[in-house]
C-alpha atoms as a PDB file:
ATOM      1  CA  MET A   1     172.986 184.090 -80.425  1.00  0.00           C
ATOM      2  CA  ARG A   2     169.704 186.431 -81.370  1.00  0.00           C
ATOM      3  CA  ARG A   3     170.523 189.689 -82.548  1.00  0.00           C
ATOM      4  CA  PHE A   4     168.022 191.896 -80.118  1.00  0.00           C
ATOM      5  CA  ALA A   5     167.454 191.693 -76.569  1.00  0.00           C
ATOM      6  CA  SER A   6     163.582 192.072 -75.313  1.00  0.00           C
ATOM      7  CA  LEU A   7     161.867 194.979 -73.627  1.00  0.00           C
ATOM      8  CA  ARG A   8     161.564 193.836 -69.883  1.00  0.00           C
ATOM      9  CA  ARG A   9     160.096 196.627 -68.069  1.00  0.00           C
ATOM     10  CA  GLN A  10     156.545 197.733 -68.207  1.00  0.00           C
ATOM     11  CA  ALA A  11     157.366 201.662 -69.084  1.00  0.00           C
ATOM     12  CA  ASP A  12     159.401 200.860 -71.463  1.00  0.00           C
ATOM     13  CA  PHE A  13     156.779 199.705 -73.454  1.00  0.00           C
ATOM     14  CA  ALA A  14     154.422 202.714 -72.910  1.00  0.00           C
ATOM     15  CA  ARG A  15     157.286 204.547 -73.580  1.00  0.00           C
ATOM     16  CA  LEU A  16     157.037 203.187 -76.954  1.00  0.00           C
ATOM     17  CA  ARG A  17     153.551 203.320 -76.788  1.00  0.00           C
ATOM     18  CA  GLN A  18     153.573 207.535 -76.541  1.00  0.00           C
ATOM     19  CA  ARG A  19     156.232 208.333 -78.324  1.00  0.00           C
ATOM     20  CA  GLY A  20     157.295 205.785 -81.016  1.00  0.00           C
ATOM     21  CA  ARG A  21     156.293 205.956 -84.722  1.00  0.00           C
ATOM     22  CA  ARG A  22     154.023 203.589 -85.439  1.00  0.00           C
ATOM     23  CA  MET A  23     152.835 202.008 -88.757  1.00  0.00           C
ATOM     24  CA  ALA A  24     150.005 199.656 -88.736  1.00  0.00           C
ATOM     25  CA  THR A  25     149.879 196.636 -91.215  1.00  0.00           C
ATOM     26  CA  PRO A  26     146.986 194.500 -91.762  1.00  0.00           C
ATOM     27  CA  ASN A  27     147.824 192.204 -88.987  1.00  0.00           C
ATOM     28  CA  LEU A  28     150.073 194.139 -86.606  1.00  0.00           C
ATOM     29  CA  THR A  29     151.484 197.410 -85.596  1.00  0.00           C
ATOM     30  CA  VAL A  30     154.860 198.356 -85.477  1.00  0.00           C
ATOM     31  CA  TYR A  31     156.347 201.121 -83.368  1.00  0.00           C
ATOM     32  CA  ARG A  32     159.891 202.302 -83.273  1.00  0.00           C
ATOM     33  CA  GLY A  33     161.947 204.618 -81.335  1.00  0.00           C
ATOM     34  CA  GLU A  34     165.005 205.665 -80.007  1.00  0.00           C
ATOM     35  CA  GLY A  35     167.153 203.597 -77.911  1.00  0.00           C
ATOM     36  CA  ALA A  36     170.090 204.271 -75.134  1.00  0.00           C
ATOM     37  CA  PRO A  37     173.031 205.519 -76.353  1.00  0.00           C
ATOM     38  CA  GLN A  38     174.982 202.491 -74.658  1.00  0.00           C
ATOM     39  CA  GLY A  39     172.958 200.161 -75.656  1.00  0.00           C
ATOM     40  CA  GLU A  40     174.498 196.514 -77.078  1.00  0.00           C
ATOM     41  CA  ARG A  41     171.308 195.360 -79.111  1.00  0.00           C
ATOM     42  CA  PRO A  42     168.291 196.022 -80.238  1.00  0.00           C
ATOM     43  CA  LEU A  43     165.763 196.500 -77.639  1.00  0.00           C
ATOM     44  CA  VAL A  44     162.303 194.081 -78.868  1.00  0.00           C
ATOM     45  CA  GLY A  45     159.025 193.773 -77.459  1.00  0.00           C
ATOM     46  CA  ILE A  46     155.915 191.511 -78.501  1.00  0.00           C
ATOM     47  CA  THR A  47     152.816 191.787 -77.385  1.00  0.00           C
ATOM     48  CA  VAL A  48     149.540 189.031 -77.970  1.00  0.00           C
ATOM     49  CA  SER A  49     146.824 190.047 -76.149  1.00  0.00           C
ATOM     50  CA  THR A  50     144.301 187.198 -76.119  1.00  0.00           C
ATOM     51  CA  SER A  51     141.548 189.164 -78.331  1.00  0.00           C
ATOM     52  CA  VAL A  52     144.362 186.858 -80.998  1.00  0.00           C
ATOM     53  CA  GLY A  53     143.320 183.522 -79.445  1.00  0.00           C
ATOM     54  CA  LYS A  54     144.315 180.823 -76.937  1.00  0.00           C
ATOM     55  CA  ALA A  55     147.350 179.897 -75.749  1.00  0.00           C
ATOM     56  CA  VAL A  56     148.625 177.488 -78.410  1.00  0.00           C
ATOM     57  CA  ILE A  57     148.097 180.532 -80.879  1.00  0.00           C
ATOM     58  CA  ARG A  58     149.225 183.092 -78.863  1.00  0.00           C
ATOM     59  CA  ASN A  59     152.439 181.600 -79.064  1.00  0.00           C
ATOM     60  CA  THR A  60     153.255 179.999 -82.036  1.00  0.00           C
ATOM     61  CA  VAL A  61     151.994 183.675 -83.373  1.00  0.00           C
ATOM     62  CA  LYS A  62     155.487 185.325 -80.782  1.00  0.00           C
ATOM     63  CA  ARG A  63     157.416 182.723 -82.164  1.00  0.00           C
ATOM     64  CA  ARG A  64     157.150 183.306 -85.550  1.00  0.00           C
ATOM     65  CA  ILE A  65     156.898 187.091 -85.430  1.00  0.00           C
ATOM     66  CA  ALA A  66     160.690 186.764 -83.458  1.00  0.00           C
ATOM     67  CA  ALA A  67     161.545 184.673 -85.956  1.00  0.00           C
ATOM     68  CA  ALA A  68     160.322 186.942 -88.604  1.00  0.00           C
ATOM     69  CA  LEU A  69     162.163 189.345 -86.414  1.00  0.00           C
ATOM     70  CA  HIS A  70     165.669 187.521 -85.997  1.00  0.00           C
ATOM     71  CA  GLU A  71     165.975 188.255 -89.572  1.00  0.00           C
ATOM     72  CA  LEU A  72     164.907 191.663 -89.913  1.00  0.00           C
ATOM     73  CA  VAL A  73     165.734 193.554 -87.256  1.00  0.00           C
ATOM     74  CA  PRO A  74     168.790 196.614 -88.239  1.00  0.00           C
ATOM     75  CA  ALA A  75     171.523 196.476 -86.470  1.00  0.00           C
ATOM     76  CA  ASP A  76     172.000 199.720 -85.135  1.00  0.00           C
ATOM     77  CA  PRO A  77     172.031 199.399 -81.483  1.00  0.00           C
ATOM     78  CA  GLN A  78     170.526 202.382 -81.349  1.00  0.00           C
ATOM     79  CA  VAL A  79     166.892 201.181 -82.060  1.00  0.00           C
ATOM     80  CA  ARG A  80     163.620 199.895 -79.305  1.00  0.00           C
ATOM     81  CA  ILE A  81     160.825 198.379 -81.602  1.00  0.00           C
ATOM     82  CA  LEU A  82     157.422 197.180 -80.642  1.00  0.00           C
ATOM     83  CA  VAL A  83     155.447 195.102 -82.004  1.00  0.00           C
ATOM     84  CA  VAL A  84     151.397 194.560 -81.204  1.00  0.00           C
ATOM     85  CA  ALA A  85     149.319 191.874 -82.744  1.00  0.00           C
ATOM     86  CA  ARG A  86     145.986 192.334 -84.046  1.00  0.00           C
ATOM     87  CA  PRO A  87     143.277 189.341 -84.243  1.00  0.00           C
ATOM     88  CA  SER A  88     144.034 188.499 -87.308  1.00  0.00           C
ATOM     89  CA  THR A  89     147.841 187.548 -86.902  1.00  0.00           C
ATOM     90  CA  ALA A  90     146.396 184.366 -85.985  1.00  0.00           C
ATOM     91  CA  ALA A  91     145.506 183.350 -89.377  1.00  0.00           C
ATOM     92  CA  ALA A  92     148.510 184.948 -91.330  1.00  0.00           C
ATOM     93  CA  THR A  93     151.011 182.740 -92.331  1.00  0.00           C
ATOM     94  CA  TYR A  94     154.288 183.230 -91.651  1.00  0.00           C
ATOM     95  CA  GLY A  95     155.110 185.021 -94.606  1.00  0.00           C
ATOM     96  CA  ASP A  96     152.641 187.183 -94.566  1.00  0.00           C
ATOM     97  CA  LEU A  97     154.006 188.093 -91.155  1.00  0.00           C
ATOM     98  CA  ARG A  98     157.654 188.468 -92.207  1.00  0.00           C
ATOM     99  CA  SER A  99     156.802 190.974 -95.443  1.00  0.00           C
ATOM    100  CA  GLU A 100     154.896 193.477 -93.439  1.00  0.00           C
ATOM    101  CA  LEU A 101     157.565 193.338 -90.519  1.00  0.00           C
ATOM    102  CA  SER A 102     160.019 193.906 -93.389  1.00  0.00           C
ATOM    103  CA  ARG A 103     157.761 196.743 -94.714  1.00  0.00           C
ATOM    104  CA  ALA A 104     157.432 198.517 -91.484  1.00  0.00           C
ATOM    105  CA  LEU A 105     160.322 198.373 -90.527  1.00  0.00           C
ATOM    106  CA  ALA A 106     161.907 199.560 -93.785  1.00  0.00           C
END
């Protein structure tokens, strides 16, 4: 079972972009905010735009980010995280993404 649940609503994505704490890395932008007090698991959203590449590349980037987040997301159920991939993410390795996410979430 995954350690996090997915953000689903567009309003949640927009709220995190507006009110969340932003941390920028060379390949990613990470927004972190407070979750609902009754939450069971952390909520995570991953955004990969078409500027990153074609569908195969975007899906690969999403899977790499999700795998790294599975290891790194804190167990605190009252946290929401939004990860936005930049175009340079397509050329990044899994190790690069994992290290950037660990710095951003620390």
